[in-house]
C-alpha atoms as a PDB file:
ATOM      1  CA  UNK A   1     118.537 104.540  16.541  1.00  0.00           C
ATOM      2  CA  UNK A   2     119.914 102.031  19.027  1.00  0.00           C
ATOM      3  CA  UNK A   3     121.369 103.028  22.383  1.00  0.00           C
ATOM      4  CA  UNK A   4     124.826 101.696  21.531  1.00  0.00           C
ATOM      5  CA  UNK A   5     124.958 103.972  18.454  1.00  0.00           C
ATOM      6  CA  UNK A   6     125.308 106.969  20.773  1.00  0.00           C
ATOM      7  CA  UNK A   7     128.983 107.755  21.331  1.00  0.00           C
ATOM      8  CA  UNK A   8     129.722 110.013  24.303  1.00  0.00           C
ATOM      9  CA  UNK A   9     132.711 112.244  23.528  1.00  0.00           C
ATOM     10  CA  UNK A  10     133.199 114.825  26.306  1.00  0.00           C
ATOM     11  CA  UNK A  11     131.256 115.982  29.331  1.00  0.00           C
ATOM     12  CA  UNK A  12     131.231 118.306  32.305  1.00  0.00           C
ATOM     13  CA  UNK A  13     128.905 118.910  35.265  1.00  0.00           C
ATOM     14  CA  UNK A  14     128.164 122.143  37.121  1.00  0.00           C
ATOM     15  CA  UNK A  15     126.157 122.394  40.360  1.00  0.00           C
ATOM     16  CA  UNK A  16     123.159 124.719  40.243  1.00  0.00           C
ATOM     17  CA  UNK A  17     121.820 124.422  43.770  1.00  0.00           C
ATOM     18  CA  UNK A  18     119.483 127.220  44.778  1.00  0.00           C
ATOM     19  CA  UNK A  19     120.167 126.527  48.456  1.00  0.00           C
ATOM     20  CA  UNK A  20     123.787 127.603  48.009  1.00  0.00           C
ATOM     21  CA  UNK A  21     122.959 130.957  46.429  1.00  0.00           C
ATOM     22  CA  UNK A  22     125.667 130.611  43.786  1.00  0.00           C
ATOM     23  CA  UNK A  23     126.651 128.092  41.078  1.00  0.00           C
ATOM     24  CA  UNK A  24     129.571 125.737  41.638  1.00  0.00           C
ATOM     25  CA  UNK A  25     131.490 125.421  38.388  1.00  0.00           C
ATOM     26  CA  UNK A  26     133.770 122.561  37.495  1.00  0.00           C
ATOM     27  CA  UNK A  27     137.123 123.523  36.022  1.00  0.00           C
ATOM     28  CA  UNK A  28     137.771 120.079  34.552  1.00  0.00           C
ATOM     29  CA  UNK A  29     135.924 117.760  32.212  1.00  0.00           C
ATOM     30  CA  UNK A  30     134.412 114.559  33.542  1.00  0.00           C
ATOM     31  CA  UNK A  31     136.339 111.328  33.569  1.00  0.00           C
ATOM     32  CA  UNK A  32     134.131 109.258  31.309  1.00  0.00           C
ATOM     33  CA  UNK A  33     134.312 105.804  32.828  1.00  0.00           C
ATOM     34  CA  UNK A  34     132.164 103.035  31.286  1.00  0.00           C
ATOM     35  CA  UNK A  35     129.561 103.588  34.028  1.00  0.00           C
ATOM     36  CA  UNK A  36     129.358 107.349  33.391  1.00  0.00           C
ATOM     37  CA  UNK A  37     129.268 106.746  29.636  1.00  0.00           C
ATOM     38  CA  UNK A  38     126.324 104.408  30.105  1.00  0.00           C
ATOM     39  CA  UNK A  39     124.616 106.925  32.395  1.00  0.00           C
ATOM     40  CA  UNK A  40     124.603 109.671  29.758  1.00  0.00           C
ATOM     41  CA  UNK A  41     123.976 107.287  26.870  1.00  0.00           C
ATOM     42  CA  UNK A  42     120.865 105.918  28.593  1.00  0.00           C
ATOM     43  CA  UNK A  43     119.437 109.366  29.322  1.00  0.00           C
ATOM     44  CA  UNK A  44     120.091 110.647  25.802  1.00  0.00           C
ATOM     45  CA  UNK A  45     118.563 107.518  24.267  1.00  0.00           C
ATOM     46  CA  UNK A  46     115.425 107.931  26.405  1.00  0.00           C
ATOM     47  CA  UNK A  47     115.051 111.449  25.052  1.00  0.00           C
ATOM     48  CA  UNK A  48     115.423 110.400  21.414  1.00  0.00           C
ATOM     49  CA  UNK A  49     113.195 107.334  21.680  1.00  0.00           C
ATOM     50  CA  UNK A  50     110.313 109.096  23.444  1.00  0.00           C
ATOM     51  CA  UNK A  51     107.641 111.456  22.134  1.00  0.00           C
ATOM     52  CA  UNK A  52     108.266 114.350  24.527  1.00  0.00           C
ATOM     53  CA  UNK A  53     110.986 116.010  22.443  1.00  0.00           C
ATOM     54  CA  UNK A  54     109.830 119.089  20.591  1.00  0.00           C
ATOM     55  CA  UNK A  55     111.625 121.145  17.992  1.00  0.00           C
ATOM     56  CA  UNK A  56     112.765 124.626  18.823  1.00  0.00           C
ATOM     57  CA  UNK A  57     113.979 127.294  16.414  1.00  0.00           C
ATOM     58  CA  UNK A  58     116.356 130.139  17.194  1.00  0.00           C
ATOM     59  CA  UNK A  59     115.025 133.444  15.894  1.00  0.00           C
ATOM     60  CA  UNK A  60     117.781 135.243  14.020  1.00  0.00           C
ATOM     61  CA  UNK A  61     116.083 138.575  14.791  1.00  0.00           C
ATOM     62  CA  UNK A  62     115.985 138.002  18.568  1.00  0.00           C
ATOM     63  CA  UNK A  63     119.298 137.916  20.381  1.00  0.00           C
ATOM     64  CA  UNK A  64     119.949 134.609  22.126  1.00  0.00           C
ATOM     65  CA  UNK A  65     123.100 134.410  24.255  1.00  0.00           C
ATOM     66  CA  UNK A  66     122.819 130.620  24.268  1.00  0.00           C
ATOM     67  CA  UNK A  67     122.743 130.540  20.458  1.00  0.00           C
ATOM     68  CA  UNK A  68     125.904 132.653  20.337  1.00  0.00           C
ATOM     69  CA  UNK A  69     127.642 130.378  22.862  1.00  0.00           C
ATOM     70  CA  UNK A  70     126.662 127.247  20.948  1.00  0.00           C
ATOM     71  CA  UNK A  71     127.757 128.681  17.579  1.00  0.00           C
ATOM     72  CA  UNK A  72     131.220 129.183  19.026  1.00  0.00           C
ATOM     73  CA  UNK A  73     131.312 125.798  20.750  1.00  0.00           C
ATOM     74  CA  UNK A  74     134.113 123.304  20.318  1.00  0.00           C
ATOM     75  CA  UNK A  75     135.181 120.414  22.517  1.00  0.00           C
ATOM     76  CA  UNK A  76     138.395 122.298  23.230  1.00  0.00           C
ATOM     77  CA  UNK A  77     136.425 125.116  24.877  1.00  0.00           C
ATOM     78  CA  UNK A  78     133.841 122.846  26.559  1.00  0.00           C
ATOM     79  CA  UNK A  79     134.780 124.031  30.057  1.00  0.00           C
ATOM     80  CA  UNK A  80     134.365 127.729  29.343  1.00  0.00           C
ATOM     81  CA  UNK A  81     131.344 127.346  27.056  1.00  0.00           C
ATOM     82  CA  UNK A  82     129.533 125.150  29.561  1.00  0.00           C
ATOM     83  CA  UNK A  83     130.243 127.592  32.397  1.00  0.00           C
ATOM     84  CA  UNK A  84     128.645 130.375  30.341  1.00  0.00           C
ATOM     85  CA  UNK A  85     125.581 128.187  29.709  1.00  0.00           C
ATOM     86  CA  UNK A  86     125.365 127.321  33.413  1.00  0.00           C
ATOM     87  CA  UNK A  87     125.687 130.995  34.353  1.00  0.00           C
ATOM     88  CA  UNK A  88     122.801 131.991  32.062  1.00  0.00           C
ATOM     89  CA  UNK A  89     120.588 129.228  33.412  1.00  0.00           C
ATOM     90  CA  UNK A  90     121.433 129.926  37.057  1.00  0.00           C
ATOM     91  CA  UNK A  91     120.531 133.608  36.647  1.00  0.00           C
ATOM     92  CA  UNK A  92     117.006 132.549  35.664  1.00  0.00           C
ATOM     93  CA  UNK A  93     116.790 129.918  38.406  1.00  0.00           C
ATOM     94  CA  UNK A  94     118.049 132.286  41.099  1.00  0.00           C
ATOM     95  CA  UNK A  95     115.391 134.855  40.205  1.00  0.00           C
ATOM     96  CA  UNK A  96     112.577 132.291  40.261  1.00  0.00           C
ATOM     97  CA  UNK A  97     112.539 130.010  43.295  1.00  0.00           C
ATOM     98  CA  UNK A  98     109.900 127.678  41.816  1.00  0.00           C
ATOM     99  CA  UNK A  99     112.475 126.323  39.349  1.00  0.00           C
ATOM    100  CA  UNK A 100     114.075 123.241  40.940  1.00  0.00           C
ATOM    101  CA  UNK A 101     117.764 122.924  41.724  1.00  0.00           C
ATOM    102  CA  UNK A 102     119.898 120.413  39.886  1.00  0.00           C
ATOM    103  CA  UNK A 103     123.207 119.676  38.247  1.00  0.00           C
ATOM    104  CA  UNK A 104     123.779 120.845  34.687  1.00  0.00           C
ATOM    105  CA  UNK A 105     125.561 118.294  32.534  1.00  0.00           C
ATOM    106  CA  UNK A 106     126.878 119.530  29.190  1.00  0.00           C
ATOM    107  CA  UNK A 107     127.807 116.576  27.014  1.00  0.00           C
ATOM    108  CA  UNK A 108     129.055 116.291  23.453  1.00  0.00           C
ATOM    109  CA  UNK A 109     128.140 113.109  21.630  1.00  0.00           C
ATOM    110  CA  UNK A 110     127.706 111.751  18.153  1.00  0.00           C
ATOM    111  CA  UNK A 111     125.190 109.569  16.385  1.00  0.00           C
ATOM    112  CA  UNK A 112     125.870 108.194  12.903  1.00  0.00           C
ATOM    113  CA  UNK A 113     128.816 110.552  12.564  1.00  0.00           C
ATOM    114  CA  UNK A 114     126.832 113.706  13.440  1.00  0.00           C
ATOM    115  CA  UNK A 115     127.966 115.678  16.480  1.00  0.00           C
ATOM    116  CA  UNK A 116     125.454 116.946  19.018  1.00  0.00           C
ATOM    117  CA  UNK A 117     125.532 118.890  22.259  1.00  0.00           C
ATOM    118  CA  UNK A 118     123.296 117.800  25.109  1.00  0.00           C
ATOM    119  CA  UNK A 119     122.412 120.248  27.890  1.00  0.00           C
ATOM    120  CA  UNK A 120     120.906 118.036  30.575  1.00  0.00           C
ATOM    121  CA  UNK A 121     119.338 119.489  33.701  1.00  0.00           C
ATOM    122  CA  UNK A 122     119.582 116.742  36.296  1.00  0.00           C
ATOM    123  CA  UNK A 123     117.009 117.878  38.857  1.00  0.00           C
ATOM    124  CA  UNK A 124     117.654 116.701  42.371  1.00  0.00           C
ATOM    125  CA  UNK A 125     115.478 114.098  43.993  1.00  0.00           C
ATOM    126  CA  UNK A 126     115.186 112.781  47.517  1.00  0.00           C
ATOM    127  CA  UNK A 127     116.536 109.291  48.193  1.00  0.00           C
ATOM    128  CA  UNK A 128     117.338 107.155  51.202  1.00  0.00           C
ATOM    129  CA  UNK A 129     120.424 105.057  51.919  1.00  0.00           C
ATOM    130  CA  UNK A 130     121.644 103.045  54.858  1.00  0.00           C
ATOM    131  CA  UNK A 131     124.722 103.920  56.903  1.00  0.00           C
ATOM    132  CA  UNK A 132     126.544 101.758  59.428  1.00  0.00           C
ATOM    133  CA  UNK A 133     128.335 103.181  62.465  1.00  0.00           C
ATOM    134  CA  UNK A 134     130.573 101.066  64.661  1.00  0.00           C
ATOM    135  CA  UNK A 135     129.887 101.729  68.325  1.00  0.00           C
ATOM    136  CA  UNK A 136     130.648  99.990  71.616  1.00  0.00           C
ATOM    137  CA  UNK A 137     127.657  97.723  71.255  1.00  0.00           C
ATOM    138  CA  UNK A 138     128.722  96.815  67.708  1.00  0.00           C
ATOM    139  CA  UNK A 139     127.344  97.886  64.334  1.00  0.00           C
ATOM    140  CA  UNK A 140     124.452 100.375  64.385  1.00  0.00           C
ATOM    141  CA  UNK A 141     122.537 100.749  61.121  1.00  0.00           C
ATOM    142  CA  UNK A 142     120.723 103.965  60.316  1.00  0.00           C
ATOM    143  CA  UNK A 143     118.740 105.299  57.352  1.00  0.00           C
ATOM    144  CA  UNK A 144     119.831 108.653  55.938  1.00  0.00           C
ATOM    145  CA  UNK A 145     117.928 110.930  53.540  1.00  0.00           C
ATOM    146  CA  UNK A 146     119.912 112.609  50.750  1.00  0.00           C
ATOM    147  CA  UNK A 147     118.225 115.662  49.232  1.00  0.00           C
ATOM    148  CA  UNK A 148     120.480 116.134  46.208  1.00  0.00           C
ATOM    149  CA  UNK A 149     120.766 112.812  44.416  1.00  0.00           C
ATOM    150  CA  UNK A 150     120.612 112.689  40.624  1.00  0.00           C
ATOM    151  CA  UNK A 151     117.976 110.933  38.517  1.00  0.00           C
ATOM    152  CA  UNK A 152     118.789 107.302  37.731  1.00  0.00           C
ATOM    153  CA  UNK A 153     118.908 105.949  34.187  1.00  0.00           C
ATOM    154  CA  UNK A 154     115.445 104.485  34.716  1.00  0.00           C
ATOM    155  CA  UNK A 155     113.970 107.976  35.062  1.00  0.00           C
ATOM    156  CA  UNK A 156     113.133 110.111  32.052  1.00  0.00           C
ATOM    157  CA  UNK A 157     114.560 113.640  32.268  1.00  0.00           C
ATOM    158  CA  UNK A 158     111.955 116.396  32.286  1.00  0.00           C
ATOM    159  CA  UNK A 159     114.354 119.186  31.249  1.00  0.00           C
ATOM    160  CA  UNK A 160     116.943 118.711  28.534  1.00  0.00           C
ATOM    161  CA  UNK A 161     118.178 120.307  25.321  1.00  0.00           C
ATOM    162  CA  UNK A 162     119.803 118.544  22.369  1.00  0.00           C
ATOM    163  CA  UNK A 163     121.471 120.652  19.688  1.00  0.00           C
ATOM    164  CA  UNK A 164     122.634 119.315  16.323  1.00  0.00           C
ATOM    165  CA  UNK A 165     126.005 121.031  15.861  1.00  0.00           C
ATOM    166  CA  UNK A 166     125.847 120.736  12.067  1.00  0.00           C
ATOM    167  CA  UNK A 167     122.899 123.127  11.703  1.00  0.00           C
ATOM    168  CA  UNK A 168     122.174 124.241  15.300  1.00  0.00           C
ATOM    169  CA  UNK A 169     118.673 122.816  15.194  1.00  0.00           C
ATOM    170  CA  UNK A 170     117.261 122.225  18.664  1.00  0.00           C
ATOM    171  CA  UNK A 171     115.111 119.573  20.292  1.00  0.00           C
ATOM    172  CA  UNK A 172     114.097 119.801  23.904  1.00  0.00           C
ATOM    173  CA  UNK A 173     111.882 118.552  26.688  1.00  0.00           C
ATOM    174  CA  UNK A 174     110.782 121.050  29.276  1.00  0.00           C
ATOM    175  CA  UNK A 175     108.396 121.690  32.101  1.00  0.00           C
ATOM    176  CA  UNK A 176     106.526 124.834  33.053  1.00  0.00           C
ATOM    177  CA  UNK A 177     107.401 126.582  36.304  1.00  0.00           C
ATOM    178  CA  UNK A 178     106.101 129.744  37.883  1.00  0.00           C
ATOM    179  CA  UNK A 179     107.849 132.913  36.742  1.00  0.00           C
ATOM    180  CA  UNK A 180     106.476 136.234  37.995  1.00  0.00           C
ATOM    181  CA  UNK A 181     103.231 134.568  39.011  1.00  0.00           C
ATOM    182  CA  UNK A 182     102.680 132.796  35.684  1.00  0.00           C
ATOM    183  CA  UNK A 183     103.523 129.259  34.541  1.00  0.00           C
ATOM    184  CA  UNK A 184     106.195 129.560  31.849  1.00  0.00           C
ATOM    185  CA  UNK A 185     108.284 127.254  29.661  1.00  0.00           C
ATOM    186  CA  UNK A 186     111.354 129.038  30.944  1.00  0.00           C
ATOM    187  CA  UNK A 187     113.831 126.704  29.253  1.00  0.00           C
ATOM    188  CA  UNK A 188     112.760 127.660  25.726  1.00  0.00           C
ATOM    189  CA  UNK A 189     111.406 131.137  26.364  1.00  0.00           C
ATOM    190  CA  UNK A 190     113.932 132.586  28.815  1.00  0.00           C
ATOM    191  CA  UNK A 191     117.062 130.433  28.553  1.00  0.00           C
ATOM    192  CA  UNK A 192     117.264 129.467  24.890  1.00  0.00           C
ATOM    193  CA  UNK A 193     115.045 132.311  23.628  1.00  0.00           C
ATOM    194  CA  UNK A 194     113.758 130.088  20.856  1.00  0.00           C
ATOM    195  CA  UNK A 195     110.342 129.321  19.413  1.00  0.00           C
ATOM    196  CA  UNK A 196     109.223 125.836  20.425  1.00  0.00           C
ATOM    197  CA  UNK A 197     106.810 123.641  18.522  1.00  0.00           C
ATOM    198  CA  UNK A 198     104.627 121.017  20.194  1.00  0.00           C
ATOM    199  CA  UNK A 199     105.929 117.526  20.873  1.00  0.00           C
ATOM    200  CA  UNK A 200     104.367 114.527  19.127  1.00  0.00           C
ATOM    201  CA  UNK A 201     102.914 113.444  22.463  1.00  0.00           C
ATOM    202  CA  UNK A 202     101.234 116.817  22.969  1.00  0.00           C
ATOM    203  CA  UNK A 203      99.890 116.831  19.407  1.00  0.00           C
ATOM    204  CA  UNK A 204      98.404 113.358  19.852  1.00  0.00           C
ATOM    205  CA  UNK A 205      96.832 114.408  23.148  1.00  0.00           C
ATOM    206  CA  UNK A 206      95.233 117.427  21.452  1.00  0.00           C
ATOM    207  CA  UNK A 207      93.624 115.232  18.782  1.00  0.00           C
ATOM    208  CA  UNK A 208      92.339 112.624  21.240  1.00  0.00           C
ATOM    209  CA  UNK A 209      91.058 115.277  23.654  1.00  0.00           C
ATOM    210  CA  UNK A 210      89.182 117.032  20.829  1.00  0.00           C
ATOM    211  CA  UNK A 211      87.590 113.716  19.805  1.00  0.00           C
ATOM    212  CA  UNK A 212      86.583 113.050  23.412  1.00  0.00           C
ATOM    213  CA  UNK A 213      85.048 116.516  23.777  1.00  0.00           C
ATOM    214  CA  UNK A 214      83.033 116.237  20.549  1.00  0.00           C
ATOM    215  CA  UNK A 215      81.831 112.733  21.394  1.00  0.00           C
ATOM    216  CA  UNK A 216      80.904 113.703  24.942  1.00  0.00           C
ATOM    217  CA  UNK A 217      78.833 116.594  23.614  1.00  0.00           C
ATOM    218  CA  UNK A 218      77.014 114.771  20.827  1.00  0.00           C
ATOM    219  CA  UNK A 219      77.133 111.075  21.735  1.00  0.00           C
ATOM    220  CA  UNK A 220      77.001 110.987  25.518  1.00  0.00           C
ATOM    221  CA  UNK A 221      74.375 108.233  25.381  1.00  0.00           C
ATOM    222  CA  UNK A 222      76.236 106.317  22.653  1.00  0.00           C
ATOM    223  CA  UNK A 223      79.351 104.779  24.272  1.00  0.00           C
ATOM    224  CA  UNK A 224      80.003 102.711  21.159  1.00  0.00           C
ATOM    225  CA  UNK A 225      80.830 105.944  19.316  1.00  0.00           C
ATOM    226  CA  UNK A 226      83.625 106.698  21.779  1.00  0.00           C
ATOM    227  CA  UNK A 227      84.928 103.145  21.434  1.00  0.00           C
ATOM    228  CA  UNK A 228      84.803 103.434  17.653  1.00  0.00           C
ATOM    229  CA  UNK A 229      86.927 106.593  17.829  1.00  0.00           C
ATOM    230  CA  UNK A 230      89.626 104.837  19.816  1.00  0.00           C
ATOM    231  CA  UNK A 231      89.633 101.982  17.330  1.00  0.00           C
ATOM    232  CA  UNK A 232      89.928 104.352  14.346  1.00  0.00           C
ATOM    233  CA  UNK A 233      92.897 106.179  15.901  1.00  0.00           C
ATOM    234  CA  UNK A 234      94.678 102.913  16.695  1.00  0.00           C
ATOM    235  CA  UNK A 235      94.084 101.590  13.175  1.00  0.00           C
ATOM    236  CA  UNK A 236      95.348 104.803  11.579  1.00  0.00           C
ATOM    237  CA  UNK A 237      98.608 104.733  13.569  1.00  0.00           C
ATOM    238  CA  UNK A 238      99.172 101.009  12.984  1.00  0.00           C
ATOM    239  CA  UNK A 239      98.520 101.131   9.235  1.00  0.00           C
ATOM    240  CA  UNK A 240     100.416 104.311   8.351  1.00  0.00           C
ATOM    241  CA  UNK A 241     102.778 104.945  11.288  1.00  0.00           C
ATOM    242  CA  UNK A 242     101.114 108.319  11.754  1.00  0.00           C
ATOM    243  CA  UNK A 243      97.809 109.916  12.684  1.00  0.00           C
ATOM    244  CA  UNK A 244      96.448 111.946   9.791  1.00  0.00           C
ATOM    245  CA  UNK A 245      93.976 114.433  11.271  1.00  0.00           C
ATOM    246  CA  UNK A 246      92.031 114.823   8.015  1.00  0.00           C
ATOM    247  CA  UNK A 247      91.566 111.047   7.745  1.00  0.00           C
ATOM    248  CA  UNK A 248      90.394 110.782  11.345  1.00  0.00           C
ATOM    249  CA  UNK A 249      87.947 113.639  10.871  1.00  0.00           C
ATOM    250  CA  UNK A 250      86.492 112.022   7.757  1.00  0.00           C
ATOM    251  CA  UNK A 251      86.268 108.517   9.223  1.00  0.00           C
ATOM    252  CA  UNK A 252      84.601 109.641  12.439  1.00  0.00           C
ATOM    253  CA  UNK A 253      82.389 112.506  11.299  1.00  0.00           C
ATOM    254  CA  UNK A 254      82.308 112.425   7.492  1.00  0.00           C
ATOM    255  CA  UNK A 255      78.560 111.712   7.372  1.00  0.00           C
ATOM    256  CA  UNK A 256      77.797 114.406   9.979  1.00  0.00           C
ATOM    257  CA  UNK A 257      78.891 117.745   8.420  1.00  0.00           C
ATOM    258  CA  UNK A 258      78.047 119.961  11.397  1.00  0.00           C
ATOM    259  CA  UNK A 259      79.887 117.781  13.891  1.00  0.00           C
ATOM    260  CA  UNK A 260      82.828 117.394  11.498  1.00  0.00           C
ATOM    261  CA  UNK A 261      83.009 121.167  11.177  1.00  0.00           C
ATOM    262  CA  UNK A 262      83.090 121.479  14.955  1.00  0.00           C
ATOM    263  CA  UNK A 263      85.955 118.985  15.256  1.00  0.00           C
ATOM    264  CA  UNK A 264      87.890 120.637  12.399  1.00  0.00           C
ATOM    265  CA  UNK A 265      87.491 124.023  14.098  1.00  0.00           C
ATOM    266  CA  UNK A 266      89.125 122.623  17.247  1.00  0.00           C
ATOM    267  CA  UNK A 267      92.066 121.428  15.142  1.00  0.00           C
ATOM    268  CA  UNK A 268      92.358 124.788  13.362  1.00  0.00           C
ATOM    269  CA  UNK A 269      92.879 126.476  16.738  1.00  0.00           C
ATOM    270  CA  UNK A 270      96.204 124.604  16.924  1.00  0.00           C
ATOM    271  CA  UNK A 271      96.927 124.813  13.172  1.00  0.00           C
ATOM    272  CA  UNK A 272      96.568 121.039  13.056  1.00  0.00           C
ATOM    273  CA  UNK A 273      93.657 120.565  10.639  1.00  0.00           C
ATOM    274  CA  UNK A 274      96.013 119.006   8.063  1.00  0.00           C
ATOM    275  CA  UNK A 275      98.609 117.690  10.493  1.00  0.00           C
ATOM    276  CA  UNK A 276     100.251 114.301  10.654  1.00  0.00           C
ATOM    277  CA  UNK A 277     101.136 113.183  14.164  1.00  0.00           C
ATOM    278  CA  UNK A 278     103.962 110.645  14.299  1.00  0.00           C
ATOM    279  CA  UNK A 279     104.358 109.038  17.736  1.00  0.00           C
ATOM    280  CA  UNK A 280     107.269 106.598  17.956  1.00  0.00           C
ATOM    281  CA  UNK A 281     107.127 105.344  21.529  1.00  0.00           C
ATOM    282  CA  UNK A 282     104.927 102.403  22.492  1.00  0.00           C
ATOM    283  CA  UNK A 283     104.244 104.145  25.802  1.00  0.00           C
ATOM    284  CA  UNK A 284     102.548 106.999  23.943  1.00  0.00           C
ATOM    285  CA  UNK A 285     100.195 104.740  21.990  1.00  0.00           C
ATOM    286  CA  UNK A 286      99.657 102.129  24.706  1.00  0.00           C
ATOM    287  CA  UNK A 287      96.356 103.720  25.734  1.00  0.00           C
ATOM    288  CA  UNK A 288      94.865 102.688  22.382  1.00  0.00           C
ATOM    289  CA  UNK A 289      95.584  98.995  22.908  1.00  0.00           C
ATOM    290  CA  UNK A 290      92.559  98.365  25.138  1.00  0.00           C
ATOM    291  CA  UNK A 291      89.009  99.519  25.666  1.00  0.00           C
ATOM    292  CA  UNK A 292      88.164 100.281  29.292  1.00  0.00           C
ATOM    293  CA  UNK A 293      84.460 100.164  30.062  1.00  0.00           C
ATOM    294  CA  UNK A 294      82.553 100.855  33.259  1.00  0.00           C
ATOM    295  CA  UNK A 295      78.818 100.335  33.580  1.00  0.00           C
ATOM    296  CA  UNK A 296      76.401 102.319  35.711  1.00  0.00           C
ATOM    297  CA  UNK A 297      76.009  99.177  37.791  1.00  0.00           C
ATOM    298  CA  UNK A 298      79.702  99.220  38.752  1.00  0.00           C
ATOM    299  CA  UNK A 299      80.968  96.474  36.425  1.00  0.00           C
ATOM    300  CA  UNK A 300      84.356  97.177  34.821  1.00  0.00           C
ATOM    301  CA  UNK A 301      85.461  95.500  31.589  1.00  0.00           C
ATOM    302  CA  UNK A 302      88.931  95.617  30.031  1.00  0.00           C
ATOM    303  CA  UNK A 303      88.907  94.479  26.386  1.00  0.00           C
ATOM    304  CA  UNK A 304      92.046  94.152  24.199  1.00  0.00           C
ATOM    305  CA  UNK A 305      91.428  96.111  21.003  1.00  0.00           C
ATOM    306  CA  UNK A 306      91.913  93.060  18.778  1.00  0.00           C
ATOM    307  CA  UNK A 307      89.043  91.300  20.547  1.00  0.00           C
ATOM    308  CA  UNK A 308      86.893  94.432  20.621  1.00  0.00           C
ATOM    309  CA  UNK A 309      87.110  94.603  16.813  1.00  0.00           C
ATOM    310  CA  UNK A 310      86.259  90.886  16.405  1.00  0.00           C
ATOM    311  CA  UNK A 311      82.520  90.146  16.556  1.00  0.00           C
ATOM    312  CA  UNK A 312      83.384  86.491  17.216  1.00  0.00           C
ATOM    313  CA  UNK A 313      84.925  87.584  20.521  1.00  0.00           C
ATOM    314  CA  UNK A 314      82.793  90.488  21.768  1.00  0.00           C
ATOM    315  CA  UNK A 315      79.393  91.774  20.699  1.00  0.00           C
ATOM    316  CA  UNK A 316      77.515  94.854  21.847  1.00  0.00           C
ATOM    317  CA  UNK A 317      73.757  94.499  21.630  1.00  0.00           C
ATOM    318  CA  UNK A 318      71.351  97.436  21.869  1.00  0.00           C
ATOM    319  CA  UNK A 319      68.168  96.183  23.496  1.00  0.00           C
ATOM    320  CA  UNK A 320      64.635  97.331  22.684  1.00  0.00           C
ATOM    321  CA  UNK A 321      64.419  99.283  25.936  1.00  0.00           C
ATOM    322  CA  UNK A 322      67.569 101.252  25.108  1.00  0.00           C
ATOM    323  CA  UNK A 323      69.889  99.363  27.448  1.00  0.00           C
ATOM    324  CA  UNK A 324      73.089  97.733  26.195  1.00  0.00           C
ATOM    325  CA  UNK A 325      74.201  94.150  26.645  1.00  0.00           C
ATOM    326  CA  UNK A 326      77.799  93.029  26.231  1.00  0.00           C
ATOM    327  CA  UNK A 327      78.216  89.466  24.994  1.00  0.00           C
ATOM    328  CA  UNK A 328      81.675  87.948  25.539  1.00  0.00           C
ATOM    329  CA  UNK A 329      82.045  84.810  23.434  1.00  0.00           C
ATOM    330  CA  UNK A 330      84.169  81.673  23.134  1.00  0.00           C
ATOM    331  CA  UNK A 331      85.596  81.705  26.647  1.00  0.00           C
ATOM    332  CA  UNK A 332      87.506  78.542  27.541  1.00  0.00           C
ATOM    333  CA  UNK A 333      88.607  79.535  31.016  1.00  0.00           C
ATOM    334  CA  UNK A 334      87.968  82.276  33.555  1.00  0.00           C
ATOM    335  CA  UNK A 335      90.468  83.070  36.314  1.00  0.00           C
ATOM    336  CA  UNK A 336      90.126  85.382  39.274  1.00  0.00           C
ATOM    337  CA  UNK A 337      92.661  87.724  40.871  1.00  0.00           C
END
C-alpha cells in the first residue's frame, strides 16, 4: 500500500480533555482541506506500514457497545456515531486518571475500494511557540508553552483503532495504562471489549528474547553463538519474508536436543512453536543489520552483517589460551569521528 492510495472520506474530532471534566463534542464534520487530508492520510499510513498493529476480534458472546455502534455506522450518521464512541471512551478515561487526555478523531477512509473506519486517539503533547507583543519599546518576543497540541505527522500514534467496514475486523495499536492499580490494555479490553492478538513486532521480540535467554544461559562464554543467532534470524527474514520459529529452532539448536527443547518450551508458552512472524517495517528488522560487540577491555566494534558473514572481511580467532582475537581484513582507509 502506498500513502496516496488512502482516500479520506469524512472526519470529525471530539475533545477528551480530562482537565475539563467533560467531553466537548463537535456537532459538525471536519472541513477536509488538503492539509487536513494529508494529516490523517500520513497517520493512517504509518499505522498500516508499521509492525505495531495487532488484530482484535469481537466476541459475539460478550456484549460490546462499540461493536454495536460500528455495525450501525454510516457516513450519514458519523456525527452521532462518533459522539457515542467518544462518550464510551471518555467514561473509561474519566474513571482512570492515568489515561492521557487527547482529541478523538473518527475518520472514514477507503483503500483499494474497501471502506474503513479509523478511531484515532490524538494524545496531547507539550510544545513551545513564540509570540510577539507590540509594546512601547517595540516588539517583545516571548516563548509560550502549549499543553494540548496534537501529534505531528512525523510521530507514530500509540493508540488507534482501524475497522474494516466490510467484515468489522479490527486492527489496533494500544498502550497499557494503570486501571485500578494494574496496567491494562484498556483500549481493547475495556473500550472495544475484543480479544487482541500480538503484533508482529511483539512476536518478533518474543522470539529474539527467548534466543537471547537460552544463549545467555548455555553459551555465556561463547559470544560467537549469540552472533550466529542474529545472523540466522536476519537470513531467515531476508530469504522468506518471514521468521519461521521451527526453522530457527532447528538451525540454532538442532544438534543440541536438550537446549532445543528448552527453547521450544519458551515458544509454547506463547503458542508460537509453529508460528511465522512477518515483520514488514525496516525499522523493526533494523537491529539485525549489524553486530554490536564490546570487549572486556572497553573496545566497541560495529560490524555490518554482510561483512560479519564474509570471512574475507572479518575473522574471529579462538586462541590457545581461550581468548578471542578479531581480525578485520582488507581495510583501505580508516577515518576517525
